[in-house]
Amino acid sequence: MLERGSHLLTDKVVVVTGGAGVLGRQFCTAIVKIGGVAIVADRDVEAATRAAAEMNKSRLGRAEAASLDIINPQSVGALIDGLKKKHGRIDAVVNNAYPRNRNYGRKLEDVTYEDFCDNVGQHLGGYFLVAQQFGLFFRDHGGGNIVNLSSIYGTIVPRFEIYAGTPMTMPVEYAAIKSAVVQLTRYFAQYFKGAGLRVHSLSPGGILADQPAGFLAAYNGHCASKGMLSPNDLVGALLFLLSDQSQFMTGQNLIVDDGFSL
């Protein structure tokens, strides 16, 4: 992980959608630690405000809470306009939000057509909207950086056997969304080639979240050393993609999964 004080993102304004969530908070904290301005953008403004306040207690940079609904064009436009007026710049956006309806996560046999379309529309559609609007802003203002959160299940087929004996499954919507995010990333990278934009996707492995012991054992058996990851394990890869250390890369999908997808 990049160290506090390395200043690779000094004064750069980085928007993290879903910034008050588990991964989003970790990403924003890391951005602040190395001198950036983290925009904790979330539908839950109260949670974003609390998260930003905690980050600002003892950091080198600063965090700011912002309201954002990634499936609302007016909300996305208002955030861009507000940041432009306040900071005069936006350097990057991390597409990290995870919108879904209450029926998300059912087994294939129980997924309705309506729920499938709704969940794909919210998640993938929201990522498209954010990438589209920020991409156009970056093109017109000298460049920028887009990082889309995908998943190992955007690149490999599900290992259904590791869910055996648990109430868990690998949702079909998730596989469809995250594989599309990888191709969407390549599309945007190609479309904006030569316009000063870099567009990447970051594909994590599983994240620890109180999963059953049997599932963890089965999952970890496919990994090299640690197995399931903590949110902090993704920070180094994200900061690399956001910083100028990756300035001659675009359109890439960076996998961080301790070897699970091998």
C-alpha atoms as a PDB file:
ATOM      1  CA  MET A   1       0.000   0.000   0.000  1.00  0.00           C
ATOM      2  CA  LEU A   2       1.146   3.551  -0.729  1.00  0.00           C
ATOM      3  CA  GLU A   3       2.327   5.229   2.475  1.00  0.00           C
ATOM      4  CA  ARG A   4       0.900   8.223   4.294  1.00  0.00           C
ATOM      5  CA  GLY A   5       2.687  11.337   3.103  1.00  0.00           C
ATOM      6  CA  SER A   6       3.602   9.978  -0.330  1.00  0.00           C
ATOM      7  CA  HIS A   7       1.428  12.744  -1.844  1.00  0.00           C
ATOM      8  CA  LEU A   8       0.759  10.934  -5.098  1.00  0.00           C
ATOM      9  CA  LEU A   9      -2.730  12.451  -5.132  1.00  0.00           C
ATOM     10  CA  THR A  10      -1.916  15.821  -3.575  1.00  0.00           C
ATOM     11  CA  ASP A  11      -4.927  18.151  -3.951  1.00  0.00           C
ATOM     12  CA  LYS A  12      -6.499  15.908  -6.578  1.00  0.00           C
ATOM     13  CA  VAL A  13     -10.286  15.774  -6.330  1.00  0.00           C
ATOM     14  CA  VAL A  14     -11.453  12.161  -6.427  1.00  0.00           C
ATOM     15  CA  VAL A  15     -15.131  11.203  -6.310  1.00  0.00           C
ATOM     16  CA  VAL A  16     -15.958   7.798  -4.806  1.00  0.00           C
ATOM     17  CA  THR A  17     -19.522   6.689  -5.438  1.00  0.00           C
ATOM     18  CA  GLY A  18     -20.955   4.633  -2.612  1.00  0.00           C
ATOM     19  CA  GLY A  19     -18.319   6.376  -0.541  1.00  0.00           C
ATOM     20  CA  ALA A  20     -20.037   5.687   2.791  1.00  0.00           C
ATOM     21  CA  GLY A  21     -20.066   1.901   2.233  1.00  0.00           C
ATOM     22  CA  VAL A  22     -17.536  -0.682   3.365  1.00  0.00           C
ATOM     23  CA  LEU A  23     -15.227  -0.429   0.361  1.00  0.00           C
ATOM     24  CA  GLY A  24     -15.994   3.220  -0.294  1.00  0.00           C
ATOM     25  CA  ARG A  25     -14.942   4.335   3.183  1.00  0.00           C
ATOM     26  CA  GLN A  26     -11.668   2.441   2.859  1.00  0.00           C
ATOM     27  CA  PHE A  27     -11.003   3.968  -0.554  1.00  0.00           C
ATOM     28  CA  CYS A  28     -11.797   7.507   0.610  1.00  0.00           C
ATOM     29  CA  THR A  29      -9.635   7.159   3.716  1.00  0.00           C
ATOM     30  CA  ALA A  30      -6.705   5.997   1.582  1.00  0.00           C
ATOM     31  CA  ILE A  31      -7.135   8.912  -0.827  1.00  0.00           C
ATOM     32  CA  VAL A  32      -7.146  11.379   2.048  1.00  0.00           C
ATOM     33  CA  LYS A  33      -4.072   9.793   3.630  1.00  0.00           C
ATOM     34  CA  ILE A  34      -1.966  10.544   0.586  1.00  0.00           C
ATOM     35  CA  GLY A  35      -3.083  14.134   0.200  1.00  0.00           C
ATOM     36  CA  GLY A  36      -6.129  13.888  -2.018  1.00  0.00           C
ATOM     37  CA  VAL A  37      -9.567  15.420  -1.676  1.00  0.00           C
ATOM     38  CA  ALA A  38     -11.975  12.496  -1.297  1.00  0.00           C
ATOM     39  CA  ILE A  39     -15.571  13.207  -2.235  1.00  0.00           C
ATOM     40  CA  VAL A  40     -17.621  10.747  -0.198  1.00  0.00           C
ATOM     41  CA  ALA A  41     -20.568  10.561  -2.612  1.00  0.00           C
ATOM     42  CA  ASP A  42     -23.533   8.528  -1.408  1.00  0.00           C
ATOM     43  CA  ARG A  43     -27.334   8.365  -1.440  1.00  0.00           C
ATOM     44  CA  ASP A  44     -27.166   8.266   2.356  1.00  0.00           C
ATOM     45  CA  VAL A  45     -25.918  11.800   2.973  1.00  0.00           C
ATOM     46  CA  GLU A  46     -25.959  11.408   6.755  1.00  0.00           C
ATOM     47  CA  ALA A  47     -23.691   8.367   6.551  1.00  0.00           C
ATOM     48  CA  ALA A  48     -21.424  10.194   4.095  1.00  0.00           C
ATOM     49  CA  THR A  49     -21.222  13.187   6.436  1.00  0.00           C
ATOM     50  CA  ARG A  50     -20.266  10.987   9.401  1.00  0.00           C
ATOM     51  CA  ALA A  51     -17.671   9.142   7.326  1.00  0.00           C
ATOM     52  CA  ALA A  52     -16.102  12.365   6.041  1.00  0.00           C
ATOM     53  CA  ALA A  53     -15.933  13.808   9.566  1.00  0.00           C
ATOM     54  CA  GLU A  54     -14.089  10.738  10.832  1.00  0.00           C
ATOM     55  CA  MET A  55     -11.601  10.902   7.974  1.00  0.00           C
ATOM     56  CA  ASN A  56     -10.863  14.559   8.622  1.00  0.00           C
ATOM     57  CA  LYS A  57      -9.825  14.096  12.243  1.00  0.00           C
ATOM     58  CA  SER A  58      -6.181  13.205  11.684  1.00  0.00           C
ATOM     59  CA  ARG A  59      -5.402  13.012   7.968  1.00  0.00           C
ATOM     60  CA  LEU A  60      -3.118  14.881   5.618  1.00  0.00           C
ATOM     61  CA  GLY A  61      -5.770  15.564   3.013  1.00  0.00           C
ATOM     62  CA  ARG A  62      -9.482  16.122   3.395  1.00  0.00           C
ATOM     63  CA  ALA A  63     -12.827  14.447   2.802  1.00  0.00           C
ATOM     64  CA  GLU A  64     -16.113  16.027   1.781  1.00  0.00           C
ATOM     65  CA  ALA A  65     -19.579  14.484   1.886  1.00  0.00           C
ATOM     66  CA  ALA A  66     -21.808  14.770  -1.176  1.00  0.00           C
ATOM     67  CA  SER A  67     -25.252  13.568  -2.196  1.00  0.00           C
ATOM     68  CA  LEU A  68     -25.285  11.239  -5.197  1.00  0.00           C
ATOM     69  CA  ASP A  69     -27.774   8.810  -6.692  1.00  0.00           C
ATOM     70  CA  ILE A  70     -25.969   7.140  -9.591  1.00  0.00           C
ATOM     71  CA  ILE A  71     -29.200   6.211 -11.384  1.00  0.00           C
ATOM     72  CA  ASN A  72     -30.452   9.808 -11.393  1.00  0.00           C
ATOM     73  CA  PRO A  73     -29.057  11.975 -14.221  1.00  0.00           C
ATOM     74  CA  GLN A  74     -29.943  15.190 -12.379  1.00  0.00           C
ATOM     75  CA  SER A  75     -28.093  14.008  -9.267  1.00  0.00           C
ATOM     76  CA  VAL A  76     -24.969  13.134 -11.258  1.00  0.00           C
ATOM     77  CA  GLY A  77     -25.073  16.441 -13.110  1.00  0.00           C
ATOM     78  CA  ALA A  78     -25.571  18.421  -9.915  1.00  0.00           C
ATOM     79  CA  LEU A  79     -22.546  16.781  -8.292  1.00  0.00           C
ATOM     80  CA  ILE A  80     -20.314  17.548 -11.265  1.00  0.00           C
ATOM     81  CA  ASP A  81     -21.506  21.164 -11.441  1.00  0.00           C
ATOM     82  CA  GLY A  82     -21.099  21.649  -7.695  1.00  0.00           C
ATOM     83  CA  LEU A  83     -17.565  20.289  -7.621  1.00  0.00           C
ATOM     84  CA  LYS A  84     -16.568  22.356 -10.625  1.00  0.00           C
ATOM     85  CA  LYS A  85     -17.797  25.517  -8.902  1.00  0.00           C
ATOM     86  CA  LYS A  86     -16.203  24.679  -5.564  1.00  0.00           C
ATOM     87  CA  HIS A  87     -12.868  23.215  -6.649  1.00  0.00           C
ATOM     88  CA  GLY A  88     -12.522  24.265 -10.268  1.00  0.00           C
ATOM     89  CA  ARG A  89     -11.524  20.704 -11.116  1.00  0.00           C
ATOM     90  CA  ILE A  90     -12.347  17.008 -10.797  1.00  0.00           C
ATOM     91  CA  ASP A  91      -9.496  14.587 -11.342  1.00  0.00           C
ATOM     92  CA  ALA A  92     -11.053  11.151 -11.008  1.00  0.00           C
ATOM     93  CA  VAL A  93     -14.164   9.156 -10.219  1.00  0.00           C
ATOM     94  CA  VAL A  94     -14.347   5.678  -8.710  1.00  0.00           C
ATOM     95  CA  ASN A  95     -17.520   3.842  -9.736  1.00  0.00           C
ATOM     96  CA  ASN A  96     -18.017   1.872  -6.531  1.00  0.00           C
ATOM     97  CA  ALA A  97     -21.721   2.153  -5.580  1.00  0.00           C
ATOM     98  CA  TYR A  98     -23.756  -1.066  -5.361  1.00  0.00           C
ATOM     99  CA  PRO A  99     -27.446  -0.280  -6.013  1.00  0.00           C
ATOM    100  CA  ARG A 100     -29.877  -3.225  -5.960  1.00  0.00           C
ATOM    101  CA  ASN A 101     -33.449  -3.987  -5.029  1.00  0.00           C
ATOM    102  CA  ARG A 102     -34.655  -6.025  -2.052  1.00  0.00           C
ATOM    103  CA  ASN A 103     -34.946  -9.215  -4.102  1.00  0.00           C
ATOM    104  CA  TYR A 104     -31.326  -9.170  -5.241  1.00  0.00           C
ATOM    105  CA  GLY A 105     -29.270 -12.274  -4.472  1.00  0.00           C
ATOM    106  CA  ARG A 106     -31.825 -15.010  -5.046  1.00  0.00           C
ATOM    107  CA  LYS A 107     -30.949 -18.322  -6.664  1.00  0.00           C
ATOM    108  CA  LEU A 108     -31.370 -18.535 -10.424  1.00  0.00           C
ATOM    109  CA  GLU A 109     -34.675 -20.409 -10.206  1.00  0.00           C
ATOM    110  CA  ASP A 110     -36.199 -17.635  -8.089  1.00  0.00           C
ATOM    111  CA  VAL A 111     -35.048 -14.588 -10.057  1.00  0.00           C
ATOM    112  CA  THR A 112     -37.883 -12.912 -11.919  1.00  0.00           C
ATOM    113  CA  TYR A 113     -37.428 -11.173 -15.245  1.00  0.00           C
ATOM    114  CA  GLU A 114     -38.461  -7.876 -13.655  1.00  0.00           C
ATOM    115  CA  ASP A 115     -35.936  -8.175 -10.830  1.00  0.00           C
ATOM    116  CA  PHE A 116     -33.135  -9.183 -13.186  1.00  0.00           C
ATOM    117  CA  CYS A 117     -33.741  -6.166 -15.415  1.00  0.00           C
ATOM    118  CA  ASP A 118     -34.148  -3.835 -12.446  1.00  0.00           C
ATOM    119  CA  ASN A 119     -30.902  -4.883 -10.794  1.00  0.00           C
ATOM    120  CA  VAL A 120     -28.890  -4.842 -14.011  1.00  0.00           C
ATOM    121  CA  GLY A 121     -30.386  -1.458 -14.880  1.00  0.00           C
ATOM    122  CA  GLN A 122     -29.564   0.076 -11.519  1.00  0.00           C
ATOM    123  CA  HIS A 123     -26.019  -1.223 -11.169  1.00  0.00           C
ATOM    124  CA  LEU A 124     -24.747  -1.367 -14.745  1.00  0.00           C
ATOM    125  CA  GLY A 125     -26.908   1.542 -15.851  1.00  0.00           C
ATOM    126  CA  GLY A 126     -25.651   3.634 -12.960  1.00  0.00           C
ATOM    127  CA  TYR A 127     -22.045   2.863 -13.803  1.00  0.00           C
ATOM    128  CA  PHE A 128     -22.708   3.837 -17.410  1.00  0.00           C
ATOM    129  CA  LEU A 129     -24.323   7.128 -16.391  1.00  0.00           C
ATOM    130  CA  VAL A 130     -21.492   8.104 -14.051  1.00  0.00           C
ATOM    131  CA  ALA A 131     -18.787   7.114 -16.557  1.00  0.00           C
ATOM    132  CA  GLN A 132     -20.593   8.889 -19.378  1.00  0.00           C
ATOM    133  CA  GLN A 133     -21.124  12.183 -17.571  1.00  0.00           C
ATOM    134  CA  PHE A 134     -17.746  12.312 -15.856  1.00  0.00           C
ATOM    135  CA  GLY A 135     -16.075  11.147 -19.069  1.00  0.00           C
ATOM    136  CA  LEU A 136     -17.598  14.033 -21.008  1.00  0.00           C
ATOM    137  CA  PHE A 137     -16.559  16.451 -18.266  1.00  0.00           C
ATOM    138  CA  PHE A 138     -12.995  15.116 -18.309  1.00  0.00           C
ATOM    139  CA  ARG A 139     -12.815  15.325 -22.097  1.00  0.00           C
ATOM    140  CA  ASP A 140     -13.866  18.965 -22.018  1.00  0.00           C
ATOM    141  CA  HIS A 141     -11.591  19.920 -19.104  1.00  0.00           C
ATOM    142  CA  GLY A 142      -8.209  18.489 -20.005  1.00  0.00           C
ATOM    143  CA  GLY A 143      -8.463  14.860 -18.896  1.00  0.00           C
ATOM    144  CA  GLY A 144      -9.282  12.660 -15.942  1.00  0.00           C
ATOM    145  CA  ASN A 145      -9.451   9.163 -14.589  1.00  0.00           C
ATOM    146  CA  ILE A 146     -12.303   6.641 -14.265  1.00  0.00           C
ATOM    147  CA  VAL A 147     -12.014   3.439 -12.230  1.00  0.00           C
ATOM    148  CA  ASN A 148     -14.941   0.996 -12.363  1.00  0.00           C
ATOM    149  CA  LEU A 149     -15.367  -1.687  -9.700  1.00  0.00           C
ATOM    150  CA  SER A 150     -15.873  -5.056 -11.347  1.00  0.00           C
ATOM    151  CA  SER A 151     -15.182  -8.497  -9.839  1.00  0.00           C
ATOM    152  CA  ILE A 152     -13.419 -11.784 -10.428  1.00  0.00           C
ATOM    153  CA  TYR A 153     -16.864 -13.015 -11.468  1.00  0.00           C
ATOM    154  CA  GLY A 154     -16.688 -10.540 -14.299  1.00  0.00           C
ATOM    155  CA  THR A 155     -13.856 -12.613 -15.772  1.00  0.00           C
ATOM    156  CA  ILE A 156     -14.405 -16.248 -14.692  1.00  0.00           C
ATOM    157  CA  VAL A 157     -17.414 -18.541 -14.445  1.00  0.00           C
ATOM    158  CA  PRO A 158     -18.908 -19.009 -10.968  1.00  0.00           C
ATOM    159  CA  ARG A 159     -17.552 -21.764  -8.758  1.00  0.00           C
ATOM    160  CA  PHE A 160     -20.945 -22.905  -7.559  1.00  0.00           C
ATOM    161  CA  GLU A 161     -19.475 -25.773  -5.568  1.00  0.00           C
ATOM    162  CA  ILE A 162     -18.066 -23.437  -2.909  1.00  0.00           C
ATOM    163  CA  TYR A 163     -21.608 -22.368  -2.002  1.00  0.00           C
ATOM    164  CA  ALA A 164     -22.809 -25.933  -1.386  1.00  0.00           C
ATOM    165  CA  GLY A 165     -24.367 -26.424   2.034  1.00  0.00           C
ATOM    166  CA  THR A 166     -24.831 -22.678   2.607  1.00  0.00           C
ATOM    167  CA  PRO A 167     -27.763 -20.318   1.984  1.00  0.00           C
ATOM    168  CA  MET A 168     -25.484 -18.312  -0.285  1.00  0.00           C
ATOM    169  CA  THR A 169     -25.276 -18.223  -4.066  1.00  0.00           C
ATOM    170  CA  MET A 170     -23.472 -16.260  -6.765  1.00  0.00           C
ATOM    171  CA  PRO A 171     -26.281 -14.088  -8.169  1.00  0.00           C
ATOM    172  CA  VAL A 172     -26.840 -14.282 -11.906  1.00  0.00           C
ATOM    173  CA  GLU A 173     -27.351 -10.502 -11.970  1.00  0.00           C
ATOM    174  CA  TYR A 174     -23.905 -10.011 -10.459  1.00  0.00           C
ATOM    175  CA  ALA A 175     -22.206 -12.105 -13.137  1.00  0.00           C
ATOM    176  CA  ALA A 176     -24.008 -10.230 -15.898  1.00  0.00           C
ATOM    177  CA  ILE A 177     -23.281  -6.818 -14.388  1.00  0.00           C
ATOM    178  CA  LYS A 178     -19.633  -7.290 -13.535  1.00  0.00           C
ATOM    179  CA  SER A 179     -18.659  -8.903 -16.836  1.00  0.00           C
ATOM    180  CA  ALA A 180     -20.375  -6.035 -18.626  1.00  0.00           C
ATOM    181  CA  VAL A 181     -18.476  -3.526 -16.463  1.00  0.00           C
ATOM    182  CA  VAL A 182     -15.180  -4.882 -17.820  1.00  0.00           C
ATOM    183  CA  GLN A 183     -16.327  -4.443 -21.421  1.00  0.00           C
ATOM    184  CA  LEU A 184     -17.859  -1.054 -20.636  1.00  0.00           C
ATOM    185  CA  THR A 185     -14.454  -0.022 -19.300  1.00  0.00           C
ATOM    186  CA  ARG A 186     -12.741  -1.038 -22.534  1.00  0.00           C
ATOM    187  CA  TYR A 187     -15.396   0.732 -24.583  1.00  0.00           C
ATOM    188  CA  PHE A 188     -14.911   4.009 -22.709  1.00  0.00           C
ATOM    189  CA  ALA A 189     -11.123   3.702 -22.847  1.00  0.00           C
ATOM    190  CA  GLN A 190     -11.257   3.251 -26.613  1.00  0.00           C
ATOM    191  CA  TYR A 191     -13.905   5.928 -27.160  1.00  0.00           C
ATOM    192  CA  PHE A 192     -11.961   8.571 -25.233  1.00  0.00           C
ATOM    193  CA  LYS A 193      -8.532   7.539 -26.463  1.00  0.00           C
ATOM    194  CA  GLY A 194      -6.466  10.637 -27.154  1.00  0.00           C
ATOM    195  CA  ALA A 195      -8.691  12.859 -24.992  1.00  0.00           C
ATOM    196  CA  GLY A 196      -6.543  12.677 -21.863  1.00  0.00           C
ATOM    197  CA  LEU A 197      -8.709  10.095 -20.105  1.00  0.00           C
ATOM    198  CA  ARG A 198      -7.638   6.855 -18.471  1.00  0.00           C
ATOM    199  CA  VAL A 199     -10.332   4.251 -17.819  1.00  0.00           C
ATOM    200  CA  HIS A 200      -9.742   1.053 -15.852  1.00  0.00           C
ATOM    201  CA  SER A 201     -11.634  -1.588 -13.948  1.00  0.00           C
ATOM    202  CA  LEU A 202     -10.587  -3.116 -10.645  1.00  0.00           C
ATOM    203  CA  SER A 203     -11.735  -6.695 -10.030  1.00  0.00           C
ATOM    204  CA  PRO A 204     -11.557  -7.851  -6.414  1.00  0.00           C
ATOM    205  CA  GLY A 205     -11.870 -11.346  -5.108  1.00  0.00           C
ATOM    206  CA  GLY A 206     -14.217 -12.138  -2.252  1.00  0.00           C
ATOM    207  CA  ILE A 207     -14.352  -9.714   0.680  1.00  0.00           C
ATOM    208  CA  LEU A 208     -14.697 -11.002   4.246  1.00  0.00           C
ATOM    209  CA  ALA A 209     -18.176 -10.326   5.611  1.00  0.00           C
ATOM    210  CA  ASP A 210     -19.053 -12.967   8.228  1.00  0.00           C
ATOM    211  CA  GLN A 211     -19.524 -15.720   5.668  1.00  0.00           C
ATOM    212  CA  PRO A 212     -20.085 -19.312   6.931  1.00  0.00           C
ATOM    213  CA  ALA A 213     -16.955 -21.249   7.903  1.00  0.00           C
ATOM    214  CA  GLY A 214     -17.625 -23.947   5.316  1.00  0.00           C
ATOM    215  CA  PHE A 215     -17.824 -21.421   2.525  1.00  0.00           C
ATOM    216  CA  LEU A 216     -14.632 -19.701   3.671  1.00  0.00           C
ATOM    217  CA  ALA A 217     -12.743 -22.987   3.735  1.00  0.00           C
ATOM    218  CA  ALA A 218     -13.932 -23.889   0.236  1.00  0.00           C
ATOM    219  CA  TYR A 219     -13.159 -20.434  -1.122  1.00  0.00           C
ATOM    220  CA  ASN A 220      -9.747 -20.165   0.508  1.00  0.00           C
ATOM    221  CA  GLY A 221      -8.763 -23.524  -0.915  1.00  0.00           C
ATOM    222  CA  HIS A 222      -8.526 -21.887  -4.346  1.00  0.00           C
ATOM    223  CA  CYS A 223      -6.231 -19.071  -3.163  1.00  0.00           C
ATOM    224  CA  ALA A 224      -2.490 -18.643  -2.812  1.00  0.00           C
ATOM    225  CA  SER A 225      -2.093 -17.489   0.784  1.00  0.00           C
ATOM    226  CA  LYS A 226      -4.649 -15.250   2.494  1.00  0.00           C
ATOM    227  CA  GLY A 227      -7.877 -16.265   0.796  1.00  0.00           C
ATOM    228  CA  MET A 228     -10.804 -13.894   1.313  1.00  0.00           C
ATOM    229  CA  LEU A 229      -9.667 -10.287   1.312  1.00  0.00           C
ATOM    230  CA  SER A 230     -10.277  -7.329   3.590  1.00  0.00           C
ATOM    231  CA  PRO A 231     -11.245  -3.973   2.037  1.00  0.00           C
ATOM    232  CA  ASN A 232      -7.783  -2.608   2.802  1.00  0.00           C
ATOM    233  CA  ASP A 233      -6.225  -5.245   0.518  1.00  0.00           C
ATOM    234  CA  LEU A 234      -7.613  -3.385  -2.513  1.00  0.00           C
ATOM    235  CA  VAL A 235      -6.254   0.031  -1.610  1.00  0.00           C
ATOM    236  CA  GLY A 236      -2.805  -0.305  -3.169  1.00  0.00           C
ATOM    237  CA  ALA A 237      -4.218  -1.335  -6.536  1.00  0.00           C
ATOM    238  CA  LEU A 238      -6.778   1.477  -6.524  1.00  0.00           C
ATOM    239  CA  LEU A 239      -4.233   4.164  -5.632  1.00  0.00           C
ATOM    240  CA  PHE A 240      -1.918   2.869  -8.340  1.00  0.00           C
ATOM    241  CA  LEU A 241      -4.692   3.255 -10.923  1.00  0.00           C
ATOM    242  CA  LEU A 242      -5.583   6.731  -9.658  1.00  0.00           C
ATOM    243  CA  SER A 243      -2.013   8.017  -9.507  1.00  0.00           C
ATOM    244  CA  ASP A 244       0.395   9.020 -12.240  1.00  0.00           C
ATOM    245  CA  GLN A 245       2.279   5.778 -11.641  1.00  0.00           C
ATOM    246  CA  SER A 246      -0.201   4.246 -14.104  1.00  0.00           C
ATOM    247  CA  GLN A 247      -0.245   7.219 -16.476  1.00  0.00           C
ATOM    248  CA  PHE A 248       0.507   5.158 -19.580  1.00  0.00           C
ATOM    249  CA  MET A 249      -2.146   2.527 -18.913  1.00  0.00           C
ATOM    250  CA  THR A 250      -5.772   2.579 -20.035  1.00  0.00           C
ATOM    251  CA  GLY A 251      -8.508   0.046 -20.683  1.00  0.00           C
ATOM    252  CA  GLN A 252      -7.067  -2.528 -18.283  1.00  0.00           C
ATOM    253  CA  ASN A 253      -8.811  -4.808 -15.788  1.00  0.00           C
ATOM    254  CA  LEU A 254      -6.676  -5.230 -12.682  1.00  0.00           C
ATOM    255  CA  ILE A 255      -7.489  -8.394 -10.701  1.00  0.00           C
ATOM    256  CA  VAL A 256      -6.740  -8.571  -6.967  1.00  0.00           C
ATOM    257  CA  ASP A 257      -7.891 -11.961  -5.682  1.00  0.00           C
ATOM    258  CA  ASP A 258      -4.964 -13.872  -4.102  1.00  0.00           C
ATOM    259  CA  GLY A 259      -4.980 -16.240  -7.049  1.00  0.00           C
ATOM    260  CA  PHE A 260      -8.618 -17.361  -6.750  1.00  0.00           C
ATOM    261  CA  SER A 261      -9.280 -16.924 -10.478  1.00  0.00           C
ATOM    262  CA  LEU A 262      -6.292 -19.022 -11.566  1.00  0.00           C
END
